[in-house]
Protein backbone atom coordinates (compact mmCIF):
# COMPACT_ATOMS: atom_id res chain seq x y z
CA MET A 1 0.00 0.00 0.00
CA SER A 2 1.20 3.51 -0.72
CA ALA A 3 2.08 6.04 1.91
CA ILE A 4 -0.50 8.58 2.90
CA THR A 5 -0.28 11.85 1.04
CA THR A 6 -2.05 15.17 1.24
CA SER A 7 -0.46 16.53 -1.92
CA PRO A 8 -2.65 18.19 -4.57
CA ILE A 9 -4.88 15.72 -6.37
CA ASN A 10 -6.69 17.42 -9.23
CA HIS A 11 -8.11 20.86 -9.80
CA GLY A 12 -10.59 20.20 -12.57
CA PRO A 13 -10.41 22.09 -15.85
CA PRO A 14 -7.16 24.16 -15.81
CA GLY A 15 -7.75 27.83 -15.12
CA THR A 16 -11.50 27.51 -14.81
CA SER A 17 -14.09 26.94 -12.15
CA PRO A 18 -16.64 24.25 -13.08
CA ALA A 19 -19.39 26.24 -11.41
CA GLY A 20 -18.83 29.45 -13.33
CA PRO A 21 -16.44 31.81 -15.09
CA ASP A 22 -14.24 32.59 -12.09
CA THR A 23 -10.56 31.89 -12.74
CA LEU A 24 -8.78 29.51 -10.38
CA SER A 25 -5.03 29.06 -10.28
CA THR A 26 -3.68 25.64 -9.41
CA ASP A 27 -2.73 26.74 -5.90
CA THR A 28 -5.70 28.89 -4.94
CA VAL A 29 -8.84 27.85 -3.13
CA LYS A 30 -11.91 30.05 -3.10
CA HIS A 31 -13.84 29.79 0.13
CA ALA A 32 -17.48 30.71 0.44
CA PRO A 33 -18.30 32.07 3.90
CA LEU A 34 -20.14 29.77 6.26
CA MET A 35 -23.86 30.43 6.15
CA THR A 36 -26.92 29.74 8.22
CA LEU A 37 -30.35 29.21 6.76
CA ALA A 38 -31.23 32.85 7.34
CA GLU A 39 -28.06 34.43 5.96
CA VAL A 40 -27.47 35.79 2.50
CA PRO A 41 -24.17 34.73 0.83
CA ILE A 42 -21.50 37.42 0.48
CA GLU A 43 -18.36 37.68 -1.61
CA PRO A 44 -15.96 34.77 -1.01
CA THR A 45 -12.45 35.27 0.33
CA ASN A 46 -9.33 33.58 -1.05
CA VAL A 47 -6.92 31.44 0.94
CA MET A 48 -4.04 29.24 -0.13
CA GLU A 49 -4.65 25.51 -0.07
CA GLY A 50 -4.15 22.97 -2.84
CA ASP A 51 -6.36 19.92 -2.64
CA VAL A 52 -9.78 21.37 -3.14
CA HIS A 53 -11.64 24.33 -4.58
CA THR A 54 -14.19 26.29 -2.61
CA GLU A 55 -16.29 29.02 -4.06
CA GLY A 56 -19.41 31.11 -3.69
CA ALA A 57 -21.16 29.92 -6.85
CA MET A 58 -24.89 30.11 -6.33
CA GLY A 59 -27.57 27.67 -7.34
CA VAL A 60 -29.95 28.43 -10.18
CA LYS A 61 -32.51 29.79 -7.73
CA ASP A 62 -29.84 30.98 -5.26
CA HIS A 63 -30.72 28.29 -2.73
CA LEU A 64 -28.10 25.56 -3.32
CA PRO A 65 -24.78 27.43 -3.21
CA ILE A 66 -21.58 25.44 -3.69
CA LEU A 67 -19.31 25.55 -0.64
CA TRP A 68 -16.44 23.59 -2.19
CA TYR A 69 -15.71 20.84 -4.67
CA PHE A 70 -13.16 18.04 -4.83
CA SER A 71 -11.99 16.44 -8.06
CA PRO A 72 -10.04 13.18 -7.73
CA PRO A 73 -8.42 11.75 -10.88
CA GLY A 74 -10.76 10.08 -13.37
CA THR A 75 -14.50 10.24 -13.92
CA GLN A 76 -15.78 7.01 -12.39
CA ALA A 77 -18.59 6.84 -9.85
CA VAL A 78 -17.86 8.44 -6.48
CA ASN A 79 -19.25 7.02 -3.22
CA THR A 80 -19.23 8.94 0.06
CA VAL A 81 -20.09 8.55 3.73
CA ALA A 82 -20.23 11.49 6.16
CA THR A 83 -19.50 11.78 9.87
CA GLU A 84 -19.68 14.79 12.17
CA GLU A 85 -16.18 15.93 11.13
CA TYR A 86 -15.19 14.11 7.96
CA LEU A 87 -16.34 13.05 4.54
CA TYR A 88 -14.90 9.73 3.35
CA VAL A 89 -14.67 9.41 -0.42
CA GLY A 90 -14.18 6.21 -2.42
CA HIS A 91 -13.19 6.61 -6.05
CA ARG A 92 -11.31 4.59 -8.66
CA GLY A 93 -9.20 2.44 -6.35
CA ARG A 94 -8.53 5.22 -3.82
CA VAL A 95 -9.94 6.37 -0.49
CA TYR A 96 -9.81 9.92 0.86
CA ARG A 97 -10.65 11.53 4.18
CA LEU A 98 -11.77 15.13 3.69
CA SER A 99 -12.66 17.84 6.14
CA ARG A 100 -16.41 17.99 6.02
CA LEU A 101 -16.32 21.75 6.51
CA THR A 102 -13.64 22.80 4.01
CA GLY A 103 -13.12 19.79 1.73
CA VAL A 104 -9.37 19.76 2.37
CA VAL A 105 -7.85 16.29 1.89
CA GLN A 106 -6.49 15.15 5.26
CA ALA A 107 -5.54 11.59 4.31
CA GLU A 108 -5.40 9.49 1.16
CA GLN A 109 -4.83 5.81 0.50
CA GLU A 110 -4.10 4.36 -2.91
CA LEU A 111 -5.23 0.75 -2.94
CA LYS A 112 -2.37 -0.70 -4.95
CA ASN A 113 -3.00 -4.03 -6.66
CA TYR A 114 -6.75 -3.54 -6.19
CA GLY A 115 -7.36 -2.08 -9.63
CA PHE A 116 -9.31 1.06 -10.46
CA GLU A 117 -12.88 -0.08 -9.86
CA GLU A 118 -15.74 1.60 -8.02
CA VAL A 119 -15.13 1.89 -4.26
CA SER A 120 -17.93 1.56 -1.68
CA VAL A 121 -17.36 3.03 1.79
CA ALA A 122 -19.01 2.45 5.18
CA ILE A 123 -18.20 3.49 8.74
CA SER A 124 -19.43 2.19 12.09
CA GLU A 125 -21.71 4.26 14.32
CA ASP A 126 -18.92 4.81 16.88
CA ARG A 127 -16.59 5.91 14.01
CA SER A 128 -13.89 3.41 15.02
CA LEU A 129 -14.22 1.08 12.01
CA LEU A 130 -13.98 2.03 8.33
CA PHE A 131 -14.59 -0.47 5.54
CA ILE A 132 -14.30 -0.25 1.78
CA ALA A 133 -15.13 -2.76 -0.93
CA THR A 134 -13.70 -2.77 -4.43
CA ASN A 135 -12.72 -5.18 -7.18
CA GLY A 136 -13.66 -8.34 -5.28
CA LYS A 137 -12.11 -7.26 -1.96
CA LEU A 138 -13.43 -6.21 1.45
CA VAL A 139 -10.87 -4.06 3.28
CA SER A 140 -10.75 -2.68 6.82
CA LEU A 141 -8.96 0.68 7.16
CA ASP A 142 -7.95 2.87 10.07
CA PRO A 143 -10.47 5.75 9.97
CA MET A 144 -7.79 8.40 10.58
CA SER A 145 -4.65 7.23 8.78
CA LEU A 146 -6.52 5.09 6.21
CA GLU A 147 -3.84 2.43 6.63
CA PRO A 148 -5.23 -1.06 5.83
CA ARG A 149 -5.86 -3.41 8.75
CA TRP A 150 -6.98 -6.50 6.83
CA SER A 151 -8.31 -7.55 3.43
CA LYS A 152 -10.62 -10.41 2.41
CA GLU A 153 -11.73 -11.84 -0.93
CA VAL A 154 -15.46 -11.43 -1.56
CA PRO A 155 -16.74 -14.51 -3.42
CA ASP A 156 -19.33 -14.19 -6.19
CA SER A 157 -18.64 -10.47 -6.67
CA ASN A 158 -19.63 -8.93 -9.97
CA GLY A 159 -19.32 -5.16 -10.34
CA ARG A 160 -19.92 -2.89 -7.36
CA ILE A 161 -19.85 -4.46 -3.89
CA ARG A 162 -22.27 -2.76 -1.50
CA ILE A 163 -21.62 -2.67 2.26
CA LEU A 164 -24.03 -2.57 5.20
CA LEU A 165 -22.94 -2.53 8.87
CA THR A 166 -24.48 -3.42 12.22
CA ASN A 167 -22.77 -3.32 15.60
CA ASP A 168 -21.39 -6.84 15.14
CA ARG A 169 -21.62 -7.81 11.45
CA ILE A 170 -20.61 -6.66 7.98
CA TYR A 171 -22.88 -7.49 5.04
CA THR A 172 -21.60 -7.30 1.47
CA GLY A 173 -23.80 -7.56 -1.59
CA SER A 174 -22.71 -8.19 -5.18
CA GLY A 175 -23.39 -10.62 -7.99
CA GLY A 176 -26.84 -11.46 -6.64
CA THR A 177 -25.34 -12.74 -3.37
CA VAL A 178 -25.12 -11.48 0.22
CA HIS A 179 -22.14 -12.45 2.39
CA VAL A 180 -21.95 -12.10 6.18
CA TRP A 181 -18.69 -11.24 7.99
CA THR A 182 -17.62 -10.51 11.54
CA LEU A 183 -16.06 -7.13 12.23
CA ASN A 184 -12.68 -8.89 12.24
CA GLY A 185 -13.20 -10.21 8.72
CA ALA A 186 -14.19 -13.81 9.47
CA HIS A 187 -16.63 -15.15 6.87
CA VAL A 188 -19.90 -16.31 8.46
CA ASN A 189 -22.46 -17.10 5.76
CA ARG A 190 -23.46 -16.79 2.11
CA ARG A 191 -26.99 -16.34 0.73
CA SER A 192 -27.49 -16.38 -3.03
CA ILE A 193 -30.61 -14.72 -4.44
CA ASP A 194 -29.89 -14.53 -8.15
CA GLN A 195 -27.63 -17.12 -9.78
CA ASN A 196 -27.24 -14.89 -12.82
CA GLY A 197 -25.26 -12.50 -10.67
CA PHE A 198 -26.51 -8.92 -10.68
CA ASP A 199 -26.46 -5.74 -8.59
CA ILE A 200 -28.05 -6.28 -5.19
CA ARG A 201 -29.64 -3.74 -2.83
CA PHE A 202 -30.36 -4.37 0.84
CA ASP A 203 -31.58 -2.78 4.07
CA ILE A 204 -31.85 -3.81 7.71
CA SER A 205 -34.51 -3.53 10.41
CA SER A 206 -32.78 -3.99 13.75
CA ASP A 207 -36.14 -3.80 15.52
CA ASN A 208 -37.48 -6.72 13.49
CA GLY A 209 -34.14 -8.51 13.33
CA VAL A 210 -34.33 -8.90 9.55
CA LEU A 211 -32.24 -8.04 6.50
CA VAL A 212 -34.14 -7.60 3.25
CA ALA A 213 -32.38 -7.84 -0.12
CA GLY A 214 -33.55 -7.34 -3.68
CA THR A 215 -32.24 -7.99 -7.18
CA ARG A 216 -34.02 -8.27 -10.55
CA GLY A 217 -37.46 -8.45 -8.93
CA LEU A 218 -36.47 -11.13 -6.42
CA ILE A 219 -36.92 -10.02 -2.80
CA ARG A 220 -35.71 -12.02 0.18
CA ALA A 221 -35.85 -11.40 3.94
CA TYR A 222 -33.35 -13.15 6.21
CA LYS A 223 -33.03 -13.40 9.97
CA LEU A 224 -30.22 -11.43 11.61
CA PRO A 225 -27.45 -11.60 12.48
CA ASP A 226 -26.11 -14.44 10.33
CA LEU A 227 -28.93 -14.83 7.76
CA SER A 228 -29.17 -18.45 8.86
CA SER A 229 -32.87 -18.70 7.99
CA THR A 230 -35.16 -17.21 5.37
CA HIS A 231 -37.91 -15.10 6.95
CA TRP A 232 -39.91 -14.78 3.71
CA GLU A 233 -39.61 -14.63 -0.08
CA GLN A 234 -41.40 -12.52 -2.66
CA ASP A 235 -40.96 -12.33 -6.42
CA VAL A 236 -42.08 -9.46 -8.61
CA SER A 237 -39.80 -10.66 -11.38
CA ASP A 238 -42.67 -10.90 -13.86
CA LYS A 239 -42.09 -7.18 -14.17
CA GLY A 240 -38.35 -7.60 -13.77
CA GLY A 241 -35.46 -7.32 -16.16
CA SER A 242 -31.91 -6.13 -16.01
CA GLU A 243 -32.62 -3.15 -13.73
CA PRO A 244 -31.79 -3.46 -10.00
CA THR A 245 -34.46 -3.76 -7.32
CA SER A 246 -34.26 -1.13 -4.58
CA VAL A 247 -35.52 -2.06 -1.10
CA LEU A 248 -36.24 -0.13 2.10
CA TYR A 249 -37.37 -1.31 5.54
CA GLY A 250 -40.04 0.77 7.28
CA SER A 251 -41.68 0.03 10.62
CA ASP A 252 -44.55 -2.15 9.39
CA PHE A 253 -43.74 -2.35 5.70
CA VAL A 254 -40.97 -3.17 3.29
CA TYR A 255 -40.83 -1.03 0.16
CA ALA A 256 -39.39 -2.22 -3.14
CA ALA A 257 -38.96 -0.55 -6.51
CA ASN A 258 -38.36 -2.33 -9.79
CA ILE A 259 -38.43 -0.99 -13.40
CA GLY A 260 -40.82 1.86 -12.67
CA TRP A 261 -43.05 -0.03 -10.22
CA VAL A 262 -43.12 0.65 -6.45
CA TYR A 263 -44.37 -2.01 -4.03
CA GLN A 264 -45.48 -2.00 -0.41
CA LEU A 265 -44.95 -5.39 1.26
CA ARG A 266 -46.04 -6.50 4.71
CA ALA A 267 -42.92 -6.70 6.84
CA THR A 268 -43.96 -9.86 8.68
CA ASP A 269 -44.49 -12.15 5.69
CA GLY A 270 -43.64 -10.23 2.48
CA VAL A 271 -47.16 -10.21 1.07
CA VAL A 272 -47.61 -7.42 -1.51
CA LEU A 273 -50.22 -5.05 -0.08
CA LYS A 274 -50.11 -2.23 -2.61
CA LYS A 275 -48.25 -1.36 -5.79
CA ARG A 276 -47.97 1.68 -8.00
CA ASP A 277 -47.09 1.73 -11.68
CA PHE A 278 -45.02 4.74 -12.76
CA SER A 279 -43.53 2.99 -15.78
CA LYS A 280 -46.03 4.50 -18.22
CA SER A 281 -44.66 8.00 -17.55
CA ALA A 282 -41.23 7.41 -16.01
CA GLY A 283 -40.39 4.35 -18.07
CA SER A 284 -39.38 0.82 -17.09
CA TYR A 285 -36.06 1.75 -15.54
CA GLU A 286 -34.21 1.76 -12.25
CA ALA A 287 -36.07 3.41 -9.37
CA ASN A 288 -34.37 4.52 -6.15
CA LEU A 289 -36.17 4.98 -2.83
CA ALA A 290 -35.96 7.13 0.29
CA LEU A 291 -38.24 7.09 3.34
CA ASP A 292 -38.98 9.85 5.84
CA LYS A 293 -40.60 8.18 8.82
CA THR A 294 -41.42 11.46 10.56
CA SER A 295 -43.63 12.75 7.75
CA ASN A 296 -44.57 9.21 6.63
CA ARG A 297 -43.51 9.98 3.07
CA LEU A 298 -41.96 7.59 0.58
CA TYR A 299 -39.88 9.10 -2.21
CA ALA A 300 -38.85 7.53 -5.51
CA GLY A 301 -36.43 8.81 -8.11
CA CYS A 302 -36.99 7.25 -11.52
CA ASN A 303 -35.69 8.23 -14.93
CA GLY A 304 -35.80 12.00 -14.49
CA TYR A 305 -38.90 12.04 -12.26
CA GLY A 306 -39.21 12.90 -8.57
CA ILE A 307 -42.10 11.04 -6.95
CA CYS A 308 -43.63 11.30 -3.47
CA MET A 309 -46.19 8.96 -1.90
CA ASP A 310 -47.90 8.45 1.43
CA ALA A 311 -45.95 5.58 2.97
CA THR A 312 -49.11 3.92 4.34
CA SER A 313 -51.81 4.45 1.71
CA MET A 314 -49.32 4.73 -1.21
CA GLU A 315 -51.36 7.69 -2.47
CA THR A 316 -49.26 9.76 -4.86
CA PHE A 317 -48.66 13.30 -3.56
CA TYR A 318 -46.67 14.39 -6.60
CA LYS A 319 -44.88 13.12 -9.68
CA LYS A 320 -42.55 15.81 -10.95
CA SER A 321 -40.61 15.80 -14.21
CA LEU A 322 -37.29 17.33 -13.16
CA PRO A 323 -36.38 20.23 -15.49
CA GLY A 324 -33.61 19.33 -17.92
CA ALA A 325 -32.96 15.95 -16.31
CA GLY A 326 -34.05 13.88 -19.30
CA TRP A 327 -34.43 10.12 -19.07
CA ASN A 328 -31.62 9.19 -16.69
CA VAL A 329 -30.96 7.36 -13.41
CA THR A 330 -32.33 9.50 -10.59
CA SER A 331 -31.09 9.36 -6.99
CA VAL A 332 -33.04 10.66 -4.00
CA VAL A 333 -32.47 11.53 -0.34
CA SER A 334 -34.98 12.63 2.27
CA THR A 335 -33.93 15.74 4.18
CA GLY A 336 -36.63 15.62 6.83
CA ARG A 337 -39.02 18.24 5.47
CA SER A 338 -38.28 17.92 1.78
CA ALA A 339 -36.54 15.66 -0.72
CA VAL A 340 -33.53 16.20 -2.96
CA PHE A 341 -33.16 14.45 -6.31
CA GLY A 342 -30.00 14.09 -8.39
CA CYS A 343 -30.02 13.37 -12.11
CA LYS A 344 -27.70 14.00 -15.07
CA GLY A 345 -25.40 16.31 -13.12
CA ARG A 346 -28.30 18.36 -11.75
CA VAL A 347 -29.60 18.66 -8.19
CA PHE A 348 -33.21 19.55 -7.31
CA GLN A 349 -34.76 20.28 -3.93
CA LEU A 350 -38.55 19.82 -3.93
CA ASP A 351 -40.97 21.05 -1.30
CA THR A 352 -43.87 19.04 0.13
CA SER A 353 -46.09 19.86 -2.85
CA GLY A 354 -43.50 18.84 -5.42
CA GLU A 355 -42.41 22.33 -6.48
CA VAL A 356 -38.72 22.87 -7.24
CA VAL A 357 -37.66 25.36 -4.57
CA ALA A 358 -33.93 25.03 -5.18
CA GLN A 359 -31.87 23.83 -8.11
CA ASN A 360 -28.23 23.72 -9.15
CA ASP A 361 -27.34 22.49 -12.63
CA LEU A 362 -23.66 22.06 -11.63
CA ASN A 363 -22.52 23.40 -14.98
CA GLY A 364 -19.08 22.09 -15.85
CA TYR A 365 -19.19 19.12 -13.50
CA GLY A 366 -20.35 16.58 -16.06
CA ASN A 367 -23.79 15.19 -16.75
CA GLY A 368 -23.54 11.58 -15.58
CA ASN A 369 -25.33 9.75 -12.77
CA THR A 370 -25.41 11.96 -9.67
CA SER A 371 -25.35 10.23 -6.28
CA LEU A 372 -26.30 12.19 -3.16
CA THR A 373 -25.29 12.16 0.51
CA PHE A 374 -27.22 14.22 3.06
CA CYS A 375 -26.01 14.97 6.58
CA GLY A 376 -28.30 17.35 8.46
CA PRO A 377 -29.35 19.88 9.08
CA ASP A 378 -28.34 21.49 5.80
CA ARG A 379 -25.26 19.83 4.26
CA LEU A 380 -25.56 18.01 0.95
CA TRP A 381 -22.90 16.33 -1.19
CA ALA A 382 -23.55 15.59 -4.85
CA CYS A 383 -21.23 13.35 -6.85
CA PRO A 384 -21.51 13.64 -10.64
CA ASP A 385 -18.81 12.30 -13.00
CA GLY A 386 -15.94 12.01 -10.54
CA TYR A 387 -16.61 15.20 -8.55
CA VAL A 388 -17.62 15.71 -4.94
CA VAL A 389 -19.60 18.95 -4.68
CA ALA A 390 -20.54 20.26 -1.22
CA MET A 391 -23.65 22.42 -1.06
CA ILE A 392 -25.75 24.07 1.59
CA MET A 393 -29.53 24.03 1.54
CA LEU A 394 -30.87 27.49 2.30
CA VAL A 395 -34.53 26.54 1.88
CA VAL A 396 -36.14 23.98 4.17
CA PRO A 397 -39.85 23.84 3.24
């Protein structure tokens, strides 16, 4: 493994700022002032850094200003996880620890001999354990130095390996299969859902002691902690295909989304209680889910649409075609009193009625799939085309 470095990584397009016409030298960072929800942004001040750009570029409706952006080498998918102080970034065979406030790179680890594949990241609730998964490997890292502690081969992996943590187990999902590990890396169990090997999504209900996983319309619930028994099975694969199946665990229900359809399943036995077909307008493509238990709202992002439903009745509150998003994979996060959708390099904040109250088109940052990470009360990270863009939400409907 390489030594840790905090040297400059990449500054994006030479002499330009992706968010606007401001000129940036390769050793200058533009810092936007810290803002509260009630404050109006003022002119940024310049300080000397090197690893990250910060700037006062405003959102389209002046409500999603960019605080800073980080541009690691390459344009592959970027995955992030946030803590109270840091943002951990996985990208193209590397892991970074950034200051959450300023975006400055504080530690970096190049995963030599691991290739340049997509990197998933996860951290324990007590912040003492950091795990990444990439190119068929599960790796434990020191959260501060990012030095590797141990590495394990993940059998059956195919493409991205997703990670889910509890206080005593690690769950990895890839190639249609879930593997169970101890926190020390001992392999415990293997549960295969789809022999054809495809992307797998999963979620956990600690209260119910169940992990639910979905892939290609096949949904399985297993007993925690070791998935030693199957709690229930449900197939909606008659409407399946090559798109992944997103799953979420609520209190009394499990929610699943597959090629434009959204399902509500009874948590105790997996029986389908309600289903909604959005494929006629949003198309038969990947749908991603987010749940806000406080407001009892279920959100779906599908092919350029932002959708909101009542989590109990499944009544549709709104179905919004996101301006300029086109027909593309759409991510979604719940922010407590609103939802944020990411699509084609654009970020949209919608209020409770489905109106776009804030938008940033992230001009210059690429127009690929845009993953989102939210860490309250007002910090949002968008990751399009190999960038990490930190924004502040000034409108909370």
